Amino acid sequence: SDADMDAWTGSKWSIRALWRYLREELDYTKERVDKVWSDIGEVILRTFIAAESHINLNTSLLHLDRSNCFELWGVDILLDSALKPWLVEVNTSPDLSASSPLDKSGTLLSSS
């Protein structure tokens, strides 16, 4: 539901809830919210750049054609009180089950 997607209690928030919290509770401008999003992207990008040689090696050892294979990754990011993003973990086999109301309300799992 929209209420689930907008909730900001606990440690697991939707992106929509985070942006709403930043705008409404912290009075962040669109530019400042965009900066937080950019900082999160930068952490993720640097993480995969750091792992690139390992990923390339494993791909070549498995003789995979890079043009027709993919891997799904789960990336957990923590924002500190200054909204600086920190990498918590990267999952190479993320759980795709919907175990919480937030998971069940996500667009990837929605049938409507």
N, C-alpha and C. Protein backbone atom coordinates (compact mmCIF):
# COMPACT_ATOMS: atom_id res chain seq x y z
N SER A 1 0.84 -1.19 0.00
CA SER A 1 0.00 0.00 0.00
C SER A 1 0.88 1.25 0.00
N ASP A 2 0.27 2.37 -0.33
CA ASP A 2 1.02 3.63 -0.30
C ASP A 2 1.50 3.94 1.10
N ALA A 3 0.70 3.58 2.11
CA ALA A 3 1.10 3.84 3.50
C ALA A 3 2.38 3.07 3.83
N ASP A 4 2.48 1.81 3.37
CA ASP A 4 3.69 1.02 3.62
C ASP A 4 4.89 1.64 2.93
N MET A 5 4.70 2.13 1.72
CA MET A 5 5.81 2.70 0.96
C MET A 5 6.26 4.04 1.55
N ASP A 6 5.39 4.72 2.27
CA ASP A 6 5.72 6.02 2.85
C ASP A 6 6.15 5.94 4.31
N ALA A 7 6.07 4.77 4.91
CA ALA A 7 6.41 4.64 6.34
C ALA A 7 7.90 4.84 6.54
N TRP A 8 8.24 5.48 7.66
CA TRP A 8 9.67 5.64 7.97
C TRP A 8 9.95 5.27 9.41
N THR A 9 9.53 4.09 9.77
CA THR A 9 9.84 3.56 11.09
C THR A 9 10.75 2.36 10.93
N GLY A 10 11.59 2.12 11.92
CA GLY A 10 12.50 1.00 11.85
C GLY A 10 13.70 1.30 10.97
N SER A 11 14.42 0.24 10.60
CA SER A 11 15.66 0.42 9.84
C SER A 11 15.51 0.17 8.35
N LYS A 12 14.36 -0.34 7.92
CA LYS A 12 14.16 -0.65 6.51
C LYS A 12 13.14 0.31 5.94
N TRP A 13 13.59 1.22 5.10
CA TRP A 13 12.71 2.24 4.51
C TRP A 13 12.69 2.07 3.00
N SER A 14 11.58 2.44 2.40
CA SER A 14 11.55 2.53 0.94
C SER A 14 12.29 3.82 0.54
N ILE A 15 12.74 3.85 -0.70
CA ILE A 15 13.38 5.07 -1.20
C ILE A 15 12.40 6.23 -1.13
N ARG A 16 11.15 5.94 -1.47
CA ARG A 16 10.12 6.99 -1.44
C ARG A 16 9.96 7.56 -0.02
N ALA A 17 9.99 6.69 0.98
CA ALA A 17 9.88 7.17 2.36
C ALA A 17 11.09 8.02 2.75
N LEU A 18 12.28 7.60 2.32
CA LEU A 18 13.48 8.37 2.62
C LEU A 18 13.41 9.76 2.01
N TRP A 19 13.04 9.85 0.74
CA TRP A 19 12.96 11.16 0.08
C TRP A 19 11.90 12.02 0.75
N ARG A 20 10.78 11.42 1.11
CA ARG A 20 9.72 12.19 1.78
C ARG A 20 10.21 12.70 3.14
N TYR A 21 10.90 11.85 3.89
CA TYR A 21 11.45 12.24 5.19
C TYR A 21 12.43 13.41 5.02
N LEU A 22 13.31 13.31 4.05
CA LEU A 22 14.29 14.38 3.83
C LEU A 22 13.61 15.70 3.49
N ARG A 23 12.58 15.63 2.66
CA ARG A 23 11.88 16.86 2.24
C ARG A 23 11.01 17.42 3.36
N GLU A 24 10.21 16.57 3.99
CA GLU A 24 9.20 17.05 4.94
C GLU A 24 9.72 17.21 6.36
N GLU A 25 10.54 16.30 6.82
CA GLU A 25 11.01 16.37 8.21
C GLU A 25 12.30 17.17 8.35
N LEU A 26 13.18 17.08 7.38
CA LEU A 26 14.46 17.79 7.45
C LEU A 26 14.49 19.02 6.55
N ASP A 27 13.41 19.24 5.81
CA ASP A 27 13.27 20.41 4.95
C ASP A 27 14.41 20.51 3.92
N TYR A 28 14.81 19.37 3.37
CA TYR A 28 15.85 19.35 2.34
C TYR A 28 15.28 19.85 1.03
N THR A 29 16.09 20.58 0.29
CA THR A 29 15.71 21.00 -1.06
C THR A 29 15.88 19.82 -2.01
N LYS A 30 15.32 19.94 -3.19
CA LYS A 30 15.47 18.89 -4.21
C LYS A 30 16.95 18.67 -4.51
N GLU A 31 17.73 19.73 -4.56
CA GLU A 31 19.15 19.62 -4.86
C GLU A 31 19.87 18.82 -3.77
N ARG A 32 19.49 19.04 -2.52
CA ARG A 32 20.14 18.33 -1.42
C ARG A 32 19.75 16.86 -1.42
N VAL A 33 18.48 16.57 -1.71
CA VAL A 33 18.03 15.19 -1.83
C VAL A 33 18.77 14.51 -2.98
N ASP A 34 18.90 15.21 -4.10
CA ASP A 34 19.63 14.66 -5.25
C ASP A 34 21.08 14.36 -4.89
N LYS A 35 21.68 15.18 -4.02
CA LYS A 35 23.06 14.96 -3.59
C LYS A 35 23.17 13.68 -2.77
N VAL A 36 22.21 13.42 -1.88
CA VAL A 36 22.21 12.18 -1.10
C VAL A 36 22.15 10.99 -2.05
N TRP A 37 21.24 11.06 -3.03
CA TRP A 37 21.09 9.97 -4.01
C TRP A 37 22.38 9.78 -4.80
N SER A 38 23.01 10.87 -5.20
CA SER A 38 24.27 10.82 -5.93
C SER A 38 25.37 10.18 -5.08
N ASP A 39 25.41 10.54 -3.80
CA ASP A 39 26.41 9.97 -2.89
C ASP A 39 26.22 8.47 -2.73
N ILE A 40 24.96 8.02 -2.66
CA ILE A 40 24.68 6.58 -2.57
C ILE A 40 25.17 5.89 -3.85
N GLY A 41 24.87 6.48 -4.99
CA GLY A 41 25.33 5.92 -6.26
C GLY A 41 26.84 5.84 -6.34
N GLU A 42 27.51 6.84 -5.81
CA GLU A 42 28.98 6.87 -5.82
C GLU A 42 29.56 5.73 -4.99
N VAL A 43 28.97 5.46 -3.82
CA VAL A 43 29.43 4.35 -2.98
C VAL A 43 29.27 3.02 -3.73
N ILE A 44 28.12 2.85 -4.38
CA ILE A 44 27.87 1.61 -5.12
C ILE A 44 28.83 1.48 -6.30
N LEU A 45 29.01 2.56 -7.04
CA LEU A 45 29.92 2.55 -8.18
C LEU A 45 31.35 2.19 -7.75
N ARG A 46 31.84 2.83 -6.70
CA ARG A 46 33.20 2.56 -6.22
C ARG A 46 33.35 1.12 -5.73
N THR A 47 32.28 0.58 -5.16
CA THR A 47 32.30 -0.81 -4.70
C THR A 47 32.50 -1.76 -5.87
N PHE A 48 31.75 -1.54 -6.95
CA PHE A 48 31.88 -2.44 -8.10
C PHE A 48 33.17 -2.20 -8.87
N ILE A 49 33.68 -1.00 -8.87
CA ILE A 49 34.99 -0.75 -9.48
C ILE A 49 36.06 -1.52 -8.71
N ALA A 50 35.97 -1.51 -7.38
CA ALA A 50 36.94 -2.23 -6.55
C ALA A 50 36.88 -3.74 -6.79
N ALA A 51 35.71 -4.25 -7.11
CA ALA A 51 35.53 -5.70 -7.30
C ALA A 51 35.65 -6.11 -8.76
N GLU A 52 35.84 -5.16 -9.66
CA GLU A 52 35.79 -5.46 -11.10
C GLU A 52 36.79 -6.54 -11.52
N SER A 53 38.03 -6.47 -11.07
CA SER A 53 39.02 -7.46 -11.51
C SER A 53 38.63 -8.86 -11.04
N HIS A 54 38.11 -8.97 -9.84
CA HIS A 54 37.66 -10.26 -9.31
C HIS A 54 36.48 -10.79 -10.12
N ILE A 55 35.54 -9.91 -10.44
CA ILE A 55 34.38 -10.31 -11.24
C ILE A 55 34.83 -10.75 -12.63
N ASN A 56 35.73 -9.98 -13.25
CA ASN A 56 36.24 -10.34 -14.58
C ASN A 56 36.96 -11.68 -14.57
N LEU A 57 37.77 -11.91 -13.54
CA LEU A 57 38.50 -13.18 -13.43
C LEU A 57 37.52 -14.34 -13.33
N ASN A 58 36.54 -14.23 -12.46
CA ASN A 58 35.57 -15.32 -12.30
C ASN A 58 34.75 -15.54 -13.56
N THR A 59 34.43 -14.47 -14.26
CA THR A 59 33.69 -14.59 -15.52
C THR A 59 34.53 -15.34 -16.55
N SER A 60 35.82 -15.00 -16.64
CA SER A 60 36.68 -15.67 -17.63
C SER A 60 36.95 -17.12 -17.23
N LEU A 61 37.09 -17.41 -15.94
CA LEU A 61 37.31 -18.79 -15.50
C LEU A 61 36.11 -19.68 -15.83
N LEU A 62 34.94 -19.10 -15.81
CA LEU A 62 33.72 -19.85 -16.12
C LEU A 62 33.43 -19.84 -17.62
N HIS A 63 34.29 -19.19 -18.40
CA HIS A 63 34.14 -19.09 -19.85
C HIS A 63 32.79 -18.52 -20.24
N LEU A 64 32.37 -17.52 -19.52
CA LEU A 64 31.08 -16.89 -19.81
C LEU A 64 31.27 -15.77 -20.82
N ASP A 65 30.37 -15.72 -21.76
CA ASP A 65 30.34 -14.62 -22.72
C ASP A 65 29.68 -13.44 -22.03
N ARG A 66 30.42 -12.38 -21.83
CA ARG A 66 29.91 -11.23 -21.08
C ARG A 66 28.69 -10.59 -21.73
N SER A 67 28.45 -10.88 -23.00
CA SER A 67 27.32 -10.23 -23.67
C SER A 67 25.99 -10.93 -23.40
N ASN A 68 26.04 -12.12 -22.81
CA ASN A 68 24.78 -12.82 -22.59
C ASN A 68 24.68 -13.47 -21.21
N CYS A 69 25.25 -12.81 -20.22
CA CYS A 69 25.09 -13.29 -18.85
C CYS A 69 24.88 -12.09 -17.93
N PHE A 70 24.33 -12.36 -16.76
CA PHE A 70 24.12 -11.29 -15.79
C PHE A 70 24.18 -11.89 -14.40
N GLU A 71 24.31 -11.04 -13.43
CA GLU A 71 24.25 -11.46 -12.03
C GLU A 71 23.49 -10.39 -11.26
N LEU A 72 22.65 -10.85 -10.37
CA LEU A 72 21.87 -9.95 -9.53
C LEU A 72 22.61 -9.75 -8.21
N TRP A 73 22.75 -8.51 -7.80
CA TRP A 73 23.44 -8.17 -6.56
C TRP A 73 22.48 -7.42 -5.65
N GLY A 74 22.63 -7.61 -4.36
CA GLY A 74 21.91 -6.82 -3.38
C GLY A 74 22.91 -5.94 -2.65
N VAL A 75 22.65 -4.66 -2.55
CA VAL A 75 23.58 -3.73 -1.90
C VAL A 75 22.85 -3.07 -0.74
N ASP A 76 23.40 -3.23 0.46
CA ASP A 76 22.82 -2.59 1.64
C ASP A 76 23.64 -1.36 1.99
N ILE A 77 22.95 -0.24 2.11
CA ILE A 77 23.59 1.04 2.42
C ILE A 77 22.99 1.58 3.71
N LEU A 78 23.84 2.09 4.57
CA LEU A 78 23.41 2.75 5.81
C LEU A 78 23.70 4.23 5.67
N LEU A 79 22.76 5.08 6.06
CA LEU A 79 23.00 6.52 6.09
C LEU A 79 23.22 6.93 7.54
N ASP A 80 24.32 7.62 7.82
CA ASP A 80 24.57 8.07 9.19
C ASP A 80 23.79 9.36 9.47
N SER A 81 23.98 9.93 10.64
CA SER A 81 23.19 11.11 11.03
C SER A 81 23.46 12.32 10.13
N ALA A 82 24.60 12.33 9.45
CA ALA A 82 24.91 13.40 8.50
C ALA A 82 24.48 13.02 7.09
N LEU A 83 23.77 11.89 6.97
CA LEU A 83 23.29 11.34 5.70
C LEU A 83 24.43 10.94 4.76
N LYS A 84 25.57 10.60 5.35
CA LYS A 84 26.68 10.05 4.56
C LYS A 84 26.40 8.56 4.39
N PRO A 85 26.43 8.06 3.14
CA PRO A 85 26.17 6.64 2.92
C PRO A 85 27.39 5.78 3.22
N TRP A 86 27.12 4.63 3.85
CA TRP A 86 28.16 3.66 4.16
C TRP A 86 27.72 2.31 3.61
N LEU A 87 28.64 1.62 2.97
CA LEU A 87 28.36 0.28 2.48
C LEU A 87 28.31 -0.67 3.66
N VAL A 88 27.21 -1.39 3.80
CA VAL A 88 27.08 -2.39 4.87
C VAL A 88 27.49 -3.75 4.34
N GLU A 89 26.91 -4.14 3.21
CA GLU A 89 27.26 -5.42 2.61
C GLU A 89 26.78 -5.48 1.18
N VAL A 90 27.38 -6.39 0.43
CA VAL A 90 26.94 -6.70 -0.93
C VAL A 90 26.61 -8.18 -0.94
N ASN A 91 25.41 -8.50 -1.40
CA ASN A 91 24.97 -9.89 -1.46
C ASN A 91 25.00 -10.36 -2.90
N THR A 92 25.69 -11.48 -3.14
CA THR A 92 25.73 -12.02 -4.50
C THR A 92 24.53 -12.91 -4.79
N SER A 93 23.81 -13.29 -3.77
CA SER A 93 22.57 -14.07 -3.95
C SER A 93 21.51 -13.47 -3.03
N PRO A 94 21.01 -12.28 -3.36
CA PRO A 94 20.06 -11.63 -2.45
C PRO A 94 18.75 -12.41 -2.36
N ASP A 95 18.16 -12.36 -1.18
CA ASP A 95 16.87 -13.00 -0.93
C ASP A 95 15.79 -12.23 -1.68
N LEU A 96 15.08 -12.91 -2.54
CA LEU A 96 14.03 -12.26 -3.33
C LEU A 96 12.65 -12.51 -2.76
N SER A 97 12.58 -13.15 -1.58
CA SER A 97 11.27 -13.38 -0.98
C SER A 97 10.75 -12.08 -0.38
N ALA A 98 9.46 -11.98 -0.26
CA ALA A 98 8.82 -10.79 0.29
C ALA A 98 8.40 -11.10 1.73
N SER A 99 9.29 -10.80 2.67
CA SER A 99 9.03 -11.18 4.06
C SER A 99 8.43 -10.06 4.91
N SER A 100 8.39 -8.85 4.39
CA SER A 100 7.83 -7.74 5.16
C SER A 100 6.77 -7.02 4.33
N PRO A 101 5.89 -6.26 4.98
CA PRO A 101 4.90 -5.49 4.21
C PRO A 101 5.55 -4.56 3.18
N LEU A 102 6.70 -3.99 3.53
CA LEU A 102 7.40 -3.11 2.59
C LEU A 102 7.83 -3.90 1.35
N ASP A 103 8.39 -5.10 1.55
CA ASP A 103 8.79 -5.93 0.42
C ASP A 103 7.59 -6.28 -0.46
N LYS A 104 6.50 -6.62 0.18
CA LYS A 104 5.31 -7.04 -0.56
C LYS A 104 4.67 -5.89 -1.32
N SER A 105 4.91 -4.66 -0.89
CA SER A 105 4.30 -3.51 -1.57
C SER A 105 5.18 -2.98 -2.70
N GLY A 106 6.37 -3.53 -2.86
CA GLY A 106 7.29 -3.06 -3.90
C GLY A 106 6.77 -3.30 -5.29
N THR A 107 7.16 -2.43 -6.20
CA THR A 107 6.64 -2.52 -7.57
C THR A 107 7.10 -3.77 -8.29
N LEU A 108 8.28 -4.30 -7.97
CA LEU A 108 8.73 -5.51 -8.64
C LEU A 108 7.88 -6.72 -8.28
N LEU A 109 7.24 -6.68 -7.12
CA LEU A 109 6.44 -7.82 -6.68
C LEU A 109 4.96 -7.59 -6.84
N SER A 110 4.59 -6.43 -7.31
CA SER A 110 3.18 -6.09 -7.44
C SER A 110 2.59 -6.72 -8.70
N SER A 111 1.39 -7.28 -8.56
CA SER A 111 0.74 -7.87 -9.73
C SER A 111 -0.14 -6.88 -10.45
N SER A 112 -0.34 -5.70 -9.88
CA SER A 112 -1.21 -4.72 -10.53
C SER A 112 -0.42 -3.70 -11.31
